[in-house]
Amino acid sequence: MSSILFFFVPTVIFMGLVAPLWLVLHYLSKSRATKGLSEDDRHTLSSAMAQVERLEERIGTLETILDAEHPQWRDNESDPRYQQSTRR
């Protein structure tokens, strides 16, 4: 009988206290480790930001060309298509 208690009591203590605490702390550390961006995500984000910067430069260039060739291009209030889209 004492040999059964010798294994049963530590097993119950382990399963009731140590194992749940161990699991909780393990998954907390896992979630903290994966909180940031992965290396692949960082690369994708940096390439997307580079693309955005190139597109912003292109838009700036196009606006400069349009300002030189058609100075009134920003005043589209007389255009019926513009009036329909702003009435919503």
PDB file of N, CA and C in Angstrom:
ATOM      1  N   MET A   1       0.822  -1.199   0.000  1.00  0.00           N
ATOM      2  CA  MET A   1       0.000   0.000   0.000  1.00  0.00           C
ATOM      3  C   MET A   1       0.858   1.252   0.000  1.00  0.00           C
ATOM      4  N   SER A   2       1.936   1.218   0.757  1.00  0.00           N
ATOM      5  CA  SER A   2       2.779   2.411   0.837  1.00  0.00           C
ATOM      6  C   SER A   2       3.492   2.685  -0.484  1.00  0.00           C
ATOM      7  N   SER A   3       3.763   1.633  -1.266  1.00  0.00           N
ATOM      8  CA  SER A   3       4.402   1.865  -2.562  1.00  0.00           C
ATOM      9  C   SER A   3       3.441   2.532  -3.545  1.00  0.00           C
ATOM     10  N   ILE A   4       2.150   2.218  -3.425  1.00  0.00           N
ATOM     11  CA  ILE A   4       1.147   2.876  -4.276  1.00  0.00           C
ATOM     12  C   ILE A   4       1.038   4.348  -3.906  1.00  0.00           C
ATOM     13  N   LEU A   5       0.983   4.645  -2.618  1.00  0.00           N
ATOM     14  CA  LEU A   5       0.940   6.040  -2.179  1.00  0.00           C
ATOM     15  C   LEU A   5       2.212   6.782  -2.541  1.00  0.00           C
ATOM     16  N   PHE A   6       3.334   6.079  -2.548  1.00  0.00           N
ATOM     17  CA  PHE A   6       4.614   6.680  -2.871  1.00  0.00           C
ATOM     18  C   PHE A   6       4.613   7.239  -4.304  1.00  0.00           C
ATOM     19  N   PHE A   7       3.916   6.565  -5.224  1.00  0.00           N
ATOM     20  CA  PHE A   7       3.832   7.045  -6.608  1.00  0.00           C
ATOM     21  C   PHE A   7       2.589   7.882  -6.865  1.00  0.00           C
ATOM     22  N   PHE A   8       1.514   7.605  -6.160  1.00  0.00           N
ATOM     23  CA  PHE A   8       0.241   8.284  -6.407  1.00  0.00           C
ATOM     24  C   PHE A   8       0.261   9.741  -5.959  1.00  0.00           C
ATOM     25  N   VAL A   9       0.744  10.024  -4.773  1.00  0.00           N
ATOM     26  CA  VAL A   9       0.725  11.385  -4.228  1.00  0.00           C
ATOM     27  C   VAL A   9       1.583  12.339  -5.072  1.00  0.00           C
ATOM     28  N   PRO A  10       2.805  12.013  -5.433  1.00  0.00           N
ATOM     29  CA  PRO A  10       3.567  12.933  -6.281  1.00  0.00           C
ATOM     30  C   PRO A  10       2.955  13.109  -7.676  1.00  0.00           C
ATOM     31  N   THR A  11       2.349  12.025  -8.180  1.00  0.00           N
ATOM     32  CA  THR A  11       1.702  12.129  -9.493  1.00  0.00           C
ATOM     33  C   THR A  11       0.521  13.087  -9.442  1.00  0.00           C
ATOM     34  N   VAL A  12      -0.282  13.009  -8.401  1.00  0.00           N
ATOM     35  CA  VAL A  12      -1.424  13.913  -8.246  1.00  0.00           C
ATOM     36  C   VAL A  12      -0.948  15.352  -8.086  1.00  0.00           C
ATOM     37  N   ILE A  13       0.067  15.558  -7.304  1.00  0.00           N
ATOM     38  CA  ILE A  13       0.603  16.918  -7.118  1.00  0.00           C
ATOM     39  C   ILE A  13       1.141  17.458  -8.452  1.00  0.00           C
ATOM     40  N   PHE A  14       1.865  16.595  -9.173  1.00  0.00           N
ATOM     41  CA  PHE A  14       2.413  17.021 -10.461  1.00  0.00           C
ATOM     42  C   PHE A  14       1.296  17.372 -11.439  1.00  0.00           C
ATOM     43  N   MET A  15       0.307  16.504 -11.563  1.00  0.00           N
ATOM     44  CA  MET A  15      -0.784  16.725 -12.519  1.00  0.00           C
ATOM     45  C   MET A  15      -1.689  17.884 -12.106  1.00  0.00           C
ATOM     46  N   GLY A  16      -1.791  18.150 -10.829  1.00  0.00           N
ATOM     47  CA  GLY A  16      -2.684  19.212 -10.363  1.00  0.00           C
ATOM     48  C   GLY A  16      -2.036  20.578 -10.298  1.00  0.00           C
ATOM     49  N   LEU A  17      -0.746  20.641 -10.033  1.00  0.00           N
ATOM     50  CA  LEU A  17      -0.091  21.932  -9.856  1.00  0.00           C
ATOM     51  C   LEU A  17       0.994  22.218 -10.890  1.00  0.00           C
ATOM     52  N   VAL A  18       1.900  21.308 -11.034  1.00  0.00           N
ATOM     53  CA  VAL A  18       3.077  21.564 -11.860  1.00  0.00           C
ATOM     54  C   VAL A  18       2.736  21.556 -13.351  1.00  0.00           C
ATOM     55  N   ALA A  19       2.025  20.551 -13.814  1.00  0.00           N
ATOM     56  CA  ALA A  19       1.728  20.430 -15.247  1.00  0.00           C
ATOM     57  C   ALA A  19       0.929  21.619 -15.782  1.00  0.00           C
ATOM     58  N   PRO A  20      -0.174  22.051 -15.124  1.00  0.00           N
ATOM     59  CA  PRO A  20      -0.891  23.214 -15.667  1.00  0.00           C
ATOM     60  C   PRO A  20      -0.037  24.489 -15.669  1.00  0.00           C
ATOM     61  N   LEU A  21       0.714  24.700 -14.601  1.00  0.00           N
ATOM     62  CA  LEU A  21       1.581  25.875 -14.551  1.00  0.00           C
ATOM     63  C   LEU A  21       2.648  25.806 -15.633  1.00  0.00           C
ATOM     64  N   TRP A  22       3.203  24.658 -15.854  1.00  0.00           N
ATOM     65  CA  TRP A  22       4.220  24.458 -16.870  1.00  0.00           C
ATOM     66  C   TRP A  22       3.639  24.758 -18.254  1.00  0.00           C
ATOM     67  N   LEU A  23       2.445  24.248 -18.541  1.00  0.00           N
ATOM     68  CA  LEU A  23       1.809  24.484 -19.841  1.00  0.00           C
ATOM     69  C   LEU A  23       1.506  25.963 -20.065  1.00  0.00           C
ATOM     70  N   VAL A  24       0.971  26.614 -19.046  1.00  0.00           N
ATOM     71  CA  VAL A  24       0.640  28.036 -19.175  1.00  0.00           C
ATOM     72  C   VAL A  24       1.899  28.856 -19.440  1.00  0.00           C
ATOM     73  N   LEU A  25       2.936  28.630 -18.676  1.00  0.00           N
ATOM     74  CA  LEU A  25       4.176  29.384 -18.867  1.00  0.00           C
ATOM     75  C   LEU A  25       4.826  29.070 -20.208  1.00  0.00           C
ATOM     76  N   HIS A  26       4.726  27.831 -20.648  1.00  0.00           N
ATOM     77  CA  HIS A  26       5.290  27.455 -21.944  1.00  0.00           C
ATOM     78  C   HIS A  26       4.612  28.221 -23.073  1.00  0.00           C
ATOM     79  N   TYR A  27       3.286  28.230 -23.090  1.00  0.00           N
ATOM     80  CA  TYR A  27       2.580  28.888 -24.186  1.00  0.00           C
ATOM     81  C   TYR A  27       2.650  30.417 -24.086  1.00  0.00           C
ATOM     82  N   LEU A  28       2.801  30.941 -22.885  1.00  0.00           N
ATOM     83  CA  LEU A  28       3.033  32.383 -22.762  1.00  0.00           C
ATOM     84  C   LEU A  28       4.364  32.772 -23.394  1.00  0.00           C
ATOM     85  N   SER A  29       5.390  31.989 -23.137  1.00  0.00           N
ATOM     86  CA  SER A  29       6.694  32.295 -23.733  1.00  0.00           C
ATOM     87  C   SER A  29       6.664  32.103 -25.248  1.00  0.00           C
ATOM     88  N   LYS A  30       5.924  31.124 -25.737  1.00  0.00           N
ATOM     89  CA  LYS A  30       5.785  30.926 -27.182  1.00  0.00           C
ATOM     90  C   LYS A  30       5.091  32.113 -27.835  1.00  0.00           C
ATOM     91  N   SER A  31       4.028  32.618 -27.207  1.00  0.00           N
ATOM     92  CA  SER A  31       3.299  33.740 -27.799  1.00  0.00           C
ATOM     93  C   SER A  31       4.142  35.009 -27.787  1.00  0.00           C
ATOM     94  N   ARG A  32       4.953  35.197 -26.765  1.00  0.00           N
ATOM     95  CA  ARG A  32       5.838  36.361 -26.721  1.00  0.00           C
ATOM     96  C   ARG A  32       6.918  36.277 -27.781  1.00  0.00           C
ATOM     97  N   ALA A  33       7.388  35.082 -28.046  1.00  0.00           N
ATOM     98  CA  ALA A  33       8.451  34.907 -29.034  1.00  0.00           C
ATOM     99  C   ALA A  33       7.955  35.177 -30.447  1.00  0.00           C
ATOM    100  N   THR A  34       6.687  34.882 -30.731  1.00  0.00           N
ATOM    101  CA  THR A  34       6.158  35.047 -32.081  1.00  0.00           C
ATOM    102  C   THR A  34       5.357  36.330 -32.245  1.00  0.00           C
ATOM    103  N   LYS A  35       5.466  37.255 -31.308  1.00  0.00           N
ATOM    104  CA  LYS A  35       4.662  38.466 -31.369  1.00  0.00           C
ATOM    105  C   LYS A  35       5.064  39.392 -32.507  1.00  0.00           C
ATOM    106  N   GLY A  36       6.331  39.497 -32.806  1.00  0.00           N
ATOM    107  CA  GLY A  36       6.819  40.408 -33.835  1.00  0.00           C
ATOM    108  C   GLY A  36       6.634  39.841 -35.235  1.00  0.00           C
ATOM    109  N   LEU A  37       7.097  40.600 -36.207  1.00  0.00           N
ATOM    110  CA  LEU A  37       7.036  40.165 -37.594  1.00  0.00           C
ATOM    111  C   LEU A  37       8.143  39.158 -37.875  1.00  0.00           C
ATOM    112  N   SER A  38       7.827  38.204 -38.720  1.00  0.00           N
ATOM    113  CA  SER A  38       8.864  37.265 -39.131  1.00  0.00           C
ATOM    114  C   SER A  38       9.783  37.951 -40.144  1.00  0.00           C
ATOM    115  N   GLU A  39      10.883  37.317 -40.431  1.00  0.00           N
ATOM    116  CA  GLU A  39      11.863  37.887 -41.379  1.00  0.00           C
ATOM    117  C   GLU A  39      11.238  38.029 -42.763  1.00  0.00           C
ATOM    118  N   ASP A  40      10.445  37.049 -43.158  1.00  0.00           N
ATOM    119  CA  ASP A  40       9.774  37.110 -44.462  1.00  0.00           C
ATOM    120  C   ASP A  40       8.754  38.252 -44.497  1.00  0.00           C
ATOM    121  N   ASP A  41       8.022  38.435 -43.400  1.00  0.00           N
ATOM    122  CA  ASP A  41       7.058  39.530 -43.321  1.00  0.00           C
ATOM    123  C   ASP A  41       7.764  40.880 -43.385  1.00  0.00           C
ATOM    124  N   ARG A  42       8.903  41.002 -42.716  1.00  0.00           N
ATOM    125  CA  ARG A  42       9.666  42.249 -42.762  1.00  0.00           C
ATOM    126  C   ARG A  42      10.155  42.554 -44.166  1.00  0.00           C
ATOM    127  N   HIS A  43      10.616  41.514 -44.865  1.00  0.00           N
ATOM    128  CA  HIS A  43      11.078  41.711 -46.245  1.00  0.00           C
ATOM    129  C   HIS A  43       9.928  42.145 -47.138  1.00  0.00           C
ATOM    130  N   THR A  44       8.783  41.504 -46.989  1.00  0.00           N
ATOM    131  CA  THR A  44       7.604  41.866 -47.783  1.00  0.00           C
ATOM    132  C   THR A  44       7.170  43.298 -47.485  1.00  0.00           C
ATOM    133  N   LEU A  45       7.182  43.674 -46.215  1.00  0.00           N
ATOM    134  CA  LEU A  45       6.793  45.027 -45.832  1.00  0.00           C
ATOM    135  C   LEU A  45       7.762  46.061 -46.384  1.00  0.00           C
ATOM    136  N   SER A  46       9.049  45.789 -46.319  1.00  0.00           N
ATOM    137  CA  SER A  46      10.023  46.759 -46.828  1.00  0.00           C
ATOM    138  C   SER A  46       9.924  46.896 -48.339  1.00  0.00           C
ATOM    139  N   SER A  47       9.670  45.798 -49.050  1.00  0.00           N
ATOM    140  CA  SER A  47       9.513  45.910 -50.503  1.00  0.00           C
ATOM    141  C   SER A  47       8.218  46.641 -50.850  1.00  0.00           C
ATOM    142  N   ALA A  48       7.173  46.452 -50.067  1.00  0.00           N
ATOM    143  CA  ALA A  48       5.926  47.187 -50.307  1.00  0.00           C
ATOM    144  C   ALA A  48       6.119  48.679 -50.049  1.00  0.00           C
ATOM    145  N   MET A  49       6.870  49.020 -48.997  1.00  0.00           N
ATOM    146  CA  MET A  49       7.134  50.433 -48.717  1.00  0.00           C
ATOM    147  C   MET A  49       7.985  51.066 -49.814  1.00  0.00           C
ATOM    148  N   ALA A  50       8.938  50.326 -50.352  1.00  0.00           N
ATOM    149  CA  ALA A  50       9.744  50.839 -51.461  1.00  0.00           C
ATOM    150  C   ALA A  50       8.869  51.080 -52.685  1.00  0.00           C
ATOM    151  N   GLN A  51       7.946  50.174 -52.935  1.00  0.00           N
ATOM    152  CA  GLN A  51       7.015  50.336 -54.063  1.00  0.00           C
ATOM    153  C   GLN A  51       6.137  51.571 -53.852  1.00  0.00           C
ATOM    154  N   VAL A  52       5.674  51.787 -52.636  1.00  0.00           N
ATOM    155  CA  VAL A  52       4.847  52.955 -52.327  1.00  0.00           C
ATOM    156  C   VAL A  52       5.627  54.238 -52.562  1.00  0.00           C
ATOM    157  N   GLU A  53       6.882  54.259 -52.138  1.00  0.00           N
ATOM    158  CA  GLU A  53       7.702  55.454 -52.345  1.00  0.00           C
ATOM    159  C   GLU A  53       7.913  55.738 -53.826  1.00  0.00           C
ATOM    160  N   ARG A  54       8.140  54.691 -54.632  1.00  0.00           N
ATOM    161  CA  ARG A  54       8.290  54.885 -56.084  1.00  0.00           C
ATOM    162  C   ARG A  54       6.997  55.415 -56.701  1.00  0.00           C
ATOM    163  N   LEU A  55       5.870  54.878 -56.258  1.00  0.00           N
ATOM    164  CA  LEU A  55       4.586  55.343 -56.796  1.00  0.00           C
ATOM    165  C   LEU A  55       4.302  56.787 -56.400  1.00  0.00           C
ATOM    166  N   GLU A  56       4.679  57.165 -55.164  1.00  0.00           N
ATOM    167  CA  GLU A  56       4.503  58.558 -54.743  1.00  0.00           C
ATOM    168  C   GLU A  56       5.348  59.499 -55.605  1.00  0.00           C
ATOM    169  N   GLU A  57       6.566  59.085 -55.937  1.00  0.00           N
ATOM    170  CA  GLU A  57       7.411  59.893 -56.808  1.00  0.00           C
ATOM    171  C   GLU A  57       6.793  60.026 -58.192  1.00  0.00           C
ATOM    172  N   ARG A  58       6.237  58.934 -58.697  1.00  0.00           N
ATOM    173  CA  ARG A  58       5.606  58.972 -60.022  1.00  0.00           C
ATOM    174  C   ARG A  58       4.386  59.898 -60.018  1.00  0.00           C
ATOM    175  N   ILE A  59       3.600  59.822 -58.970  1.00  0.00           N
ATOM    176  CA  ILE A  59       2.427  60.707 -58.870  1.00  0.00           C
ATOM    177  C   ILE A  59       2.870  62.156 -58.819  1.00  0.00           C
ATOM    178  N   GLY A  60       3.919  62.434 -58.042  1.00  0.00           N
ATOM    179  CA  GLY A  60       4.443  63.802 -57.980  1.00  0.00           C
ATOM    180  C   GLY A  60       4.909  64.292 -59.341  1.00  0.00           C
ATOM    181  N   THR A  61       5.583  63.417 -60.083  1.00  0.00           N
ATOM    182  CA  THR A  61       6.049  63.773 -61.424  1.00  0.00           C
ATOM    183  C   THR A  61       4.867  64.026 -62.350  1.00  0.00           C
ATOM    184  N   LEU A  62       3.869  63.158 -62.298  1.00  0.00           N
ATOM    185  CA  LEU A  62       2.682  63.347 -63.143  1.00  0.00           C
ATOM    186  C   LEU A  62       1.945  64.638 -62.794  1.00  0.00           C
ATOM    187  N   GLU A  63       1.844  64.953 -61.517  1.00  0.00           N
ATOM    188  CA  GLU A  63       1.188  66.204 -61.136  1.00  0.00           C
ATOM    189  C   GLU A  63       1.982  67.413 -61.616  1.00  0.00           C
ATOM    190  N   THR A  64       3.299  67.338 -61.583  1.00  0.00           N
ATOM    191  CA  THR A  64       4.127  68.430 -62.086  1.00  0.00           C
ATOM    192  C   THR A  64       3.925  68.618 -63.583  1.00  0.00           C
ATOM    193  N   ILE A  65       3.877  67.509 -64.328  1.00  0.00           N
ATOM    194  CA  ILE A  65       3.645  67.588 -65.774  1.00  0.00           C
ATOM    195  C   ILE A  65       2.265  68.162 -66.054  1.00  0.00           C
ATOM    196  N   LEU A  66       1.260  67.690 -65.335  1.00  0.00           N
ATOM    197  CA  LEU A  66      -0.095  68.207 -65.553  1.00  0.00           C
ATOM    198  C   LEU A  66      -0.197  69.677 -65.170  1.00  0.00           C
ATOM    199  N   ASP A  67       0.472  70.091 -64.102  1.00  0.00           N
ATOM    200  CA  ASP A  67       0.465  71.510 -63.732  1.00  0.00           C
ATOM    201  C   ASP A  67       1.082  72.368 -64.828  1.00  0.00           C
ATOM    202  N   ALA A  68       2.129  71.860 -65.496  1.00  0.00           N
ATOM    203  CA  ALA A  68       2.787  72.627 -66.554  1.00  0.00           C
ATOM    204  C   ALA A  68       1.946  72.655 -67.823  1.00  0.00           C
ATOM    205  N   GLU A  69       1.332  71.545 -68.184  1.00  0.00           N
ATOM    206  CA  GLU A  69       0.589  71.475 -69.447  1.00  0.00           C
ATOM    207  C   GLU A  69      -0.857  71.935 -69.314  1.00  0.00           C
ATOM    208  N   HIS A  70      -1.498  71.636 -68.204  1.00  0.00           N
ATOM    209  CA  HIS A  70      -2.908  71.990 -67.990  1.00  0.00           C
ATOM    210  C   HIS A  70      -3.044  72.566 -66.585  1.00  0.00           C
ATOM    211  N   PRO A  71      -2.823  73.848 -66.425  1.00  0.00           N
ATOM    212  CA  PRO A  71      -2.816  74.444 -65.075  1.00  0.00           C
ATOM    213  C   PRO A  71      -4.142  74.305 -64.325  1.00  0.00           C
ATOM    214  N   GLN A  72      -5.228  74.161 -65.019  1.00  0.00           N
ATOM    215  CA  GLN A  72      -6.540  74.086 -64.363  1.00  0.00           C
ATOM    216  C   GLN A  72      -7.025  72.650 -64.156  1.00  0.00           C
ATOM    217  N   TRP A  73      -6.142  71.680 -64.233  1.00  0.00           N
ATOM    218  CA  TRP A  73      -6.591  70.286 -64.155  1.00  0.00           C
ATOM    219  C   TRP A  73      -7.129  69.912 -62.774  1.00  0.00           C
ATOM    220  N   ARG A  74      -6.737  70.649 -61.759  1.00  0.00           N
ATOM    221  CA  ARG A  74      -7.239  70.343 -60.411  1.00  0.00           C
ATOM    222  C   ARG A  74      -8.654  70.886 -60.187  1.00  0.00           C
ATOM    223  N   ASP A  75      -9.081  71.795 -61.012  1.00  0.00           N
ATOM    224  CA  ASP A  75     -10.418  72.393 -60.880  1.00  0.00           C
ATOM    225  C   ASP A  75     -11.392  71.636 -61.761  1.00  0.00           C
ATOM    226  N   ASN A  76     -11.801  70.457 -61.333  1.00  0.00           N
ATOM    227  CA  ASN A  76     -12.701  69.605 -62.115  1.00  0.00           C
ATOM    228  C   ASN A  76     -14.160  69.769 -61.710  1.00  0.00           C
ATOM    229  N   GLU A  77     -14.496  70.837 -61.037  1.00  0.00           N
ATOM    230  CA  GLU A  77     -15.876  70.996 -60.576  1.00  0.00           C
ATOM    231  C   GLU A  77     -16.850  71.200 -61.730  1.00  0.00           C
ATOM    232  N   SER A  78     -16.365  71.636 -62.886  1.00  0.00           N
ATOM    233  CA  SER A  78     -17.249  71.802 -64.035  1.00  0.00           C
ATOM    234  C   SER A  78     -17.495  70.476 -64.750  1.00  0.00           C
ATOM    235  N   ASP A  79     -16.733  69.453 -64.439  1.00  0.00           N
ATOM    236  CA  ASP A  79     -16.886  68.140 -65.053  1.00  0.00           C
ATOM    237  C   ASP A  79     -18.089  67.433 -64.431  1.00  0.00           C
ATOM    238  N   PRO A  80     -19.066  67.011 -65.243  1.00  0.00           N
ATOM    239  CA  PRO A  80     -20.263  66.353 -64.699  1.00  0.00           C
ATOM    240  C   PRO A  80     -19.936  65.027 -63.980  1.00  0.00           C
ATOM    241  N   ARG A  81     -18.907  64.329 -64.415  1.00  0.00           N
ATOM    242  CA  ARG A  81     -18.548  63.072 -63.748  1.00  0.00           C
ATOM    243  C   ARG A  81     -18.088  63.350 -62.320  1.00  0.00           C
ATOM    244  N   TYR A  82     -17.386  64.442 -62.119  1.00  0.00           N
ATOM    245  CA  TYR A  82     -16.906  64.810 -60.804  1.00  0.00           C
ATOM    246  C   TYR A  82     -18.077  65.167 -59.900  1.00  0.00           C
ATOM    247  N   GLN A  83     -19.047  65.881 -60.419  1.00  0.00           N
ATOM    248  CA  GLN A  83     -20.207  66.288 -59.621  1.00  0.00           C
ATOM    249  C   GLN A  83     -21.032  65.082 -59.190  1.00  0.00           C
ATOM    250  N   GLN A  84     -21.162  64.074 -60.038  1.00  0.00           N
ATOM    251  CA  GLN A  84     -21.923  62.888 -59.669  1.00  0.00           C
ATOM    252  C   GLN A  84     -21.234  62.115 -58.545  1.00  0.00           C
ATOM    253  N   SER A  85     -19.934  62.030 -58.569  1.00  0.00           N
ATOM    254  CA  SER A  85     -19.243  61.235 -57.572  1.00  0.00           C
ATOM    255  C   SER A  85     -19.200  61.932 -56.213  1.00  0.00           C
ATOM    256  N   THR A  86     -19.333  63.268 -56.162  1.00  0.00           N
ATOM    257  CA  THR A  86     -19.271  63.961 -54.887  1.00  0.00           C
ATOM    258  C   THR A  86     -20.645  64.168 -54.269  1.00  0.00           C
ATOM    259  N   ARG A  87     -21.716  63.898 -54.968  1.00  0.00           N
ATOM    260  CA  ARG A  87     -23.064  64.096 -54.439  1.00  0.00           C
ATOM    261  C   ARG A  87     -23.510  62.982 -53.519  1.00  0.00           C
ATOM    262  N   ARG A  88     -22.818  61.893 -53.462  1.00  0.00           N
ATOM    263  CA  ARG A  88     -23.241  60.727 -52.660  1.00  0.00           C
ATOM    264  C   ARG A  88     -23.267  61.006 -51.221  1.00  0.00           C
TER     265      ARG A  88
END
